[in-house]
C-alpha atoms as a PDB file:
ATOM      1  CA  ILE A   1     -37.031   5.464  -3.497  1.00  0.00           C
ATOM      2  CA  ALA A   2     -33.378   5.594  -2.881  1.00  0.00           C
ATOM      3  CA  GLN A   3     -33.079   2.063  -4.523  1.00  0.00           C
ATOM      4  CA  ILE A   4     -34.806   3.351  -7.937  1.00  0.00           C
ATOM      5  CA  GLY A   5     -31.185   5.080  -8.296  1.00  0.00           C
ATOM      6  CA  SER A   6     -32.698   8.100 -10.441  1.00  0.00           C
ATOM      7  CA  GLU A   7     -32.156  11.890 -10.155  1.00  0.00           C
ATOM      8  CA  GLU A   8     -35.978  12.174  -9.837  1.00  0.00           C
ATOM      9  CA  ALA A   9     -35.797   9.789  -6.917  1.00  0.00           C
ATOM     10  CA  ALA A  10     -33.242  12.080  -5.395  1.00  0.00           C
ATOM     11  CA  GLU A  11     -35.148  14.950  -5.765  1.00  0.00           C
ATOM     12  CA  THR A  12     -38.075  13.262  -3.891  1.00  0.00           C
ATOM     13  CA  LEU A  13     -35.894  12.328  -0.946  1.00  0.00           C
ATOM     14  CA  ARG A  14     -34.504  16.044  -1.077  1.00  0.00           C
ATOM     15  CA  ALA A  15     -37.981  17.439  -0.879  1.00  0.00           C
ATOM     16  CA  ALA A  16     -38.882  14.985   1.893  1.00  0.00           C
ATOM     17  CA  MET A  17     -36.145  16.346   4.115  1.00  0.00           C
ATOM     18  CA  ASP A  18     -38.163  19.569   4.311  1.00  0.00           C
ATOM     19  CA  SER A  19     -40.837  17.578   6.137  1.00  0.00           C
ATOM     20  CA  GLU A  20     -42.502  18.648   9.478  1.00  0.00           C
ATOM     21  CA  ASN A  21     -42.029  14.899  10.439  1.00  0.00           C
ATOM     22  CA  PRO A  22     -38.761  14.244  11.980  1.00  0.00           C
ATOM     23  CA  ASP A  23     -39.027  10.677  11.070  1.00  0.00           C
ATOM     24  CA  MET A  24     -39.536  11.388   7.415  1.00  0.00           C
ATOM     25  CA  ARG A  25     -36.500  13.689   7.497  1.00  0.00           C
ATOM     26  CA  LYS A  26     -34.478  10.857   8.866  1.00  0.00           C
ATOM     27  CA  ALA A  27     -35.618   8.402   6.287  1.00  0.00           C
ATOM     28  CA  ALA A  28     -35.018  10.938   3.475  1.00  0.00           C
ATOM     29  CA  ARG A  29     -31.389  11.653   4.652  1.00  0.00           C
ATOM     30  CA  ASN A  30     -30.778   8.104   4.870  1.00  0.00           C
ATOM     31  CA  GLY A  31     -32.310   7.363   1.527  1.00  0.00           C
ATOM     32  CA  LEU A  32     -30.409  10.107  -0.080  1.00  0.00           C
ATOM     33  CA  ARG A  33     -26.985   8.955   1.357  1.00  0.00           C
ATOM     34  CA  TYR A  34     -27.632   5.500   0.284  1.00  0.00           C
ATOM     35  CA  TYR A  35     -28.573   6.798  -3.191  1.00  0.00           C
ATOM     36  CA  GLN A  36     -25.405   8.903  -3.248  1.00  0.00           C
ATOM     37  CA  GLN A  37     -23.084   6.212  -1.792  1.00  0.00           C
ATOM     38  CA  ARG A  38     -23.905   4.039  -4.846  1.00  0.00           C
ATOM     39  CA  LEU A  39     -22.995   6.706  -7.515  1.00  0.00           C
ATOM     40  CA  PRO A  40     -19.710   6.122  -9.264  1.00  0.00           C
ATOM     41  CA  GLY A  41     -17.755   9.036  -8.021  1.00  0.00           C
ATOM     42  CA  TYR A  42     -18.619   8.426  -4.615  1.00  0.00           C
ATOM     43  CA  GLN A  43     -15.795   5.701  -4.087  1.00  0.00           C
ATOM     44  CA  TYR A  44     -13.481   8.285  -4.791  1.00  0.00           C
ATOM     45  CA  ILE A  45     -14.856  10.622  -2.015  1.00  0.00           C
ATOM     46  CA  SER A  46     -14.218   7.669   0.294  1.00  0.00           C
ATOM     47  CA  GLN A  47     -10.729   7.503  -0.818  1.00  0.00           C
ATOM     48  CA  ALA A  48     -10.141  11.167  -0.323  1.00  0.00           C
ATOM     49  CA  MET A  49     -11.692  10.879   3.175  1.00  0.00           C
ATOM     50  CA  TYR A  50      -9.235   7.984   3.972  1.00  0.00           C
ATOM     51  CA  ARG A  51      -6.275  10.160   2.714  1.00  0.00           C
ATOM     52  CA  MET A  52      -7.556  12.892   4.997  1.00  0.00           C
ATOM     53  CA  ARG A  53      -7.459  10.788   7.958  1.00  0.00           C
ATOM     54  CA  GLN A  54      -3.884  10.074   7.065  1.00  0.00           C
ATOM     55  CA  ARG A  55      -3.202  14.013   6.536  1.00  0.00           C
ATOM     56  CA  LYS A  56      -2.370  13.508   3.052  1.00  0.00           C
ATOM     57  CA  TRP A  57      -4.201  16.739   1.775  1.00  0.00           C
ATOM     58  CA  GLU A  58      -2.954  16.784  -1.695  1.00  0.00           C
ATOM     59  CA  GLU A  59      -3.778  13.202  -2.359  1.00  0.00           C
ATOM     60  CA  ALA A  60      -7.303  13.559  -0.803  1.00  0.00           C
ATOM     61  CA  LEU A  61      -7.685  16.723  -3.460  1.00  0.00           C
ATOM     62  CA  ASP A  62      -6.513  14.304  -6.298  1.00  0.00           C
ATOM     63  CA  TYR A  63      -9.166  11.960  -5.398  1.00  0.00           C
ATOM     64  CA  ILE A  64     -11.969  14.698  -5.351  1.00  0.00           C
ATOM     65  CA  HIS A  65     -11.012  16.048  -8.402  1.00  0.00           C
ATOM     66  CA  ILE A  66     -11.620  12.349  -9.914  1.00  0.00           C
ATOM     67  CA  ALA A  67     -14.831  12.236  -8.025  1.00  0.00           C
ATOM     68  CA  ILE A  68     -15.797  15.658  -9.626  1.00  0.00           C
ATOM     69  CA  GLU A  69     -14.690  14.572 -13.074  1.00  0.00           C
ATOM     70  CA  ILE A  70     -17.051  11.414 -12.862  1.00  0.00           C
ATOM     71  CA  ASP A  71     -19.876  13.469 -11.397  1.00  0.00           C
ATOM     72  CA  SER A  72     -19.862  17.012 -11.316  1.00  0.00           C
ATOM     73  CA  LYS A  73     -23.182  17.192  -9.477  1.00  0.00           C
ATOM     74  CA  LEU A  74     -22.063  15.345  -6.442  1.00  0.00           C
ATOM     75  CA  ALA A  75     -22.408  18.005  -3.847  1.00  0.00           C
ATOM     76  CA  ARG A  76     -20.656  15.791  -1.231  1.00  0.00           C
ATOM     77  CA  ALA A  77     -17.641  15.787  -3.341  1.00  0.00           C
ATOM     78  CA  TYR A  78     -17.550  19.717  -3.364  1.00  0.00           C
ATOM     79  CA  SER A  79     -18.184  19.760   0.590  1.00  0.00           C
ATOM     80  CA  VAL A  80     -15.308  17.346   0.888  1.00  0.00           C
ATOM     81  CA  LYS A  81     -13.063  19.597  -1.206  1.00  0.00           C
ATOM     82  CA  GLY A  82     -13.969  22.767   0.876  1.00  0.00           C
ATOM     83  CA  ASP A  83     -12.833  20.491   3.975  1.00  0.00           C
ATOM     84  CA  ILE A  84      -9.402  19.916   2.136  1.00  0.00           C
ATOM     85  CA  LEU A  85      -8.868  23.286   0.917  1.00  0.00           C
ATOM     86  CA  LEU A  86      -9.627  24.707   4.411  1.00  0.00           C
ATOM     87  CA  LYS A  87      -6.934  22.613   5.980  1.00  0.00           C
ATOM     88  CA  LEU A  88      -4.735  23.823   3.208  1.00  0.00           C
ATOM     89  CA  LYS A  89      -5.601  27.400   4.163  1.00  0.00           C
ATOM     90  CA  LYS A  90      -7.120  28.137   0.738  1.00  0.00           C
ATOM     91  CA  ILE A  91      -9.898  29.965   2.209  1.00  0.00           C
ATOM     92  CA  ASP A  92     -11.476  31.647  -0.740  1.00  0.00           C
ATOM     93  CA  GLU A  93     -11.206  28.331  -2.720  1.00  0.00           C
ATOM     94  CA  ALA A  94     -12.743  26.502   0.234  1.00  0.00           C
ATOM     95  CA  ASP A  95     -15.610  28.936   0.095  1.00  0.00           C
ATOM     96  CA  GLU A  96     -16.214  28.669  -3.783  1.00  0.00           C
ATOM     97  CA  ALA A  97     -16.336  24.705  -3.328  1.00  0.00           C
ATOM     98  CA  TYR A  98     -18.829  24.965  -0.321  1.00  0.00           C
ATOM     99  CA  GLN A  99     -21.013  27.303  -2.573  1.00  0.00           C
ATOM    100  CA  THR A 100     -21.009  25.014  -5.384  1.00  0.00           C
ATOM    101  CA  ALA A 101     -21.996  22.221  -3.039  1.00  0.00           C
ATOM    102  CA  LEU A 102     -24.979  24.406  -2.253  1.00  0.00           C
ATOM    103  CA  LYS A 103     -25.962  25.413  -5.620  1.00  0.00           C
ATOM    104  CA  ILE A 104     -26.248  21.569  -6.219  1.00  0.00           C
ATOM    105  CA  ASP A 105     -28.088  20.505  -3.175  1.00  0.00           C
ATOM    106  CA  ALA A 106     -29.078  23.332  -0.690  1.00  0.00           C
ATOM    107  CA  SER A 107     -29.610  20.539   1.804  1.00  0.00           C
ATOM    108  CA  THR A 108     -25.927  20.017   2.051  1.00  0.00           C
ATOM    109  CA  GLY A 109     -25.627  20.929   5.829  1.00  0.00           C
ATOM    110  CA  GLU A 110     -21.705  20.237   5.844  1.00  0.00           C
ATOM    111  CA  ALA A 111     -21.380  22.783   3.291  1.00  0.00           C
ATOM    112  CA  VAL A 112     -23.367  25.297   5.357  1.00  0.00           C
ATOM    113  CA  ALA A 113     -21.256  24.529   8.496  1.00  0.00           C
ATOM    114  CA  GLY A 114     -17.862  24.970   6.403  1.00  0.00           C
ATOM    115  CA  ARG A 115     -19.017  28.321   5.223  1.00  0.00           C
ATOM    116  CA  LEU A 116     -19.682  29.385   8.762  1.00  0.00           C
ATOM    117  CA  ARG A 117     -16.023  28.207   9.784  1.00  0.00           C
ATOM    118  CA  ILE A 118     -14.821  30.225   6.868  1.00  0.00           C
ATOM    119  CA  GLN A 119     -16.787  33.225   8.232  1.00  0.00           C
ATOM    120  CA  ALA A 120     -14.981  32.567  11.562  1.00  0.00           C
ATOM    121  CA  ARG A 121     -11.665  32.324  10.230  1.00  0.00           C
ATOM    122  CA  LYS A 122     -12.283  35.618   8.388  1.00  0.00           C
ATOM    123  CA  GLY A 123     -12.854  37.092  11.737  1.00  0.00           C
ATOM    124  CA  ASN A 124     -16.893  37.112  11.843  1.00  0.00           C
ATOM    125  CA  ILE A 125     -16.987  34.682  14.847  1.00  0.00           C
ATOM    126  CA  PRO A 126     -20.180  36.282  16.432  1.00  0.00           C
ATOM    127  CA  GLU A 127     -21.975  36.211  13.040  1.00  0.00           C
ATOM    128  CA  ALA A 128     -20.982  32.500  12.481  1.00  0.00           C
ATOM    129  CA  LEU A 129     -21.995  31.393  15.837  1.00  0.00           C
ATOM    130  CA  LYS A 130     -25.314  33.306  15.516  1.00  0.00           C
ATOM    131  CA  ALA A 131     -25.998  31.564  12.359  1.00  0.00           C
ATOM    132  CA  ILE A 132     -25.516  28.105  13.637  1.00  0.00           C
ATOM    133  CA  GLN A 133     -29.093  28.631  15.520  1.00  0.00           C
ATOM    134  CA  GLU A 134     -30.607  28.743  11.923  1.00  0.00           C
ATOM    135  CA  GLY A 135     -28.633  25.752  10.865  1.00  0.00           C
ATOM    136  CA  ILE A 136     -29.392  23.616  13.835  1.00  0.00           C
ATOM    137  CA  SER A 137     -32.954  23.636  13.289  1.00  0.00           C
ATOM    138  CA  LYS A 138     -32.627  22.326   9.664  1.00  0.00           C
ATOM    139  CA  PHE A 139     -29.625  20.017   9.924  1.00  0.00           C
ATOM    140  CA  GLN A 140     -29.380  18.996  13.292  1.00  0.00           C
ATOM    141  CA  GLU A 141     -30.072  15.154  12.600  1.00  0.00           C
ATOM    142  CA  GLU A 142     -26.965  15.519   9.767  1.00  0.00           C
ATOM    143  CA  PRO A 143     -23.700  13.777  11.118  1.00  0.00           C
ATOM    144  CA  GLU A 144     -21.499  15.661   8.770  1.00  0.00           C
ATOM    145  CA  PHE A 145     -23.097  19.043   9.816  1.00  0.00           C
ATOM    146  CA  GLU A 146     -22.654  18.329  13.616  1.00  0.00           C
ATOM    147  CA  TYR A 147     -19.066  17.296  13.013  1.00  0.00           C
ATOM    148  CA  GLN A 148     -18.604  20.543  11.272  1.00  0.00           C
ATOM    149  CA  LEU A 149     -20.001  22.489  14.079  1.00  0.00           C
ATOM    150  CA  GLY A 150     -17.672  20.713  16.491  1.00  0.00           C
ATOM    151  CA  LEU A 151     -14.749  22.055  14.431  1.00  0.00           C
ATOM    152  CA  LEU A 152     -16.630  25.641  14.207  1.00  0.00           C
ATOM    153  CA  TYR A 153     -16.482  25.685  17.779  1.00  0.00           C
ATOM    154  CA  ALA A 154     -12.699  24.545  18.078  1.00  0.00           C
ATOM    155  CA  ASP A 155     -12.007  27.157  15.458  1.00  0.00           C
ATOM    156  CA  ALA A 156     -13.633  29.618  17.601  1.00  0.00           C
ATOM    157  CA  VAL A 157     -12.106  29.164  20.617  1.00  0.00           C
ATOM    158  CA  ASN A 158      -8.595  28.797  18.938  1.00  0.00           C
ATOM    159  CA  LEU A 159      -9.154  32.065  17.119  1.00  0.00           C
ATOM    160  CA  THR A 160     -10.144  34.080  19.996  1.00  0.00           C
ATOM    161  CA  LYS A 161      -6.962  32.904  22.050  1.00  0.00           C
ATOM    162  CA  GLY A 162      -4.840  33.842  19.079  1.00  0.00           C
ATOM    163  CA  ARG A 163      -3.893  30.358  18.050  1.00  0.00           C
ATOM    164  CA  ASP A 164      -4.054  28.761  14.588  1.00  0.00           C
ATOM    165  CA  PRO A 165      -7.556  26.935  14.149  1.00  0.00           C
ATOM    166  CA  ASP A 166      -5.698  23.960  12.714  1.00  0.00           C
END
């Protein structure tokens, strides 16, 4: 289905991610990832992530804006934008980016976890940690979600010790 490369195929894959069958969910997630990586804007997300590893946040943001300009329905671009804005301590803008990602694709676990990180940074650590349980059942097989959860736990520890989460 992912090789078909149409939005209808992507919707079918998103629907399959709600399957009771874990193998079906995994195949759908992998298929959707493959589909998205073939979209024209995705290469700019990759460039942004490379710049993020170098801690070049503004350059990364420039690449994300290009990805969004090419394809405004690429949920991953908004999730990565949220990550960058969070690093730049632009909390409200990051939250808006994560919300946009979720409006486009509610199965974006990275954006769900990003919003939980924002809750923690706004002082709602117990609520954020409690909400993880809901997310784990839905996104436990998504590497980006698991990575964001690791960051959330690190944020929570740093915040409770009075340290800057970054």
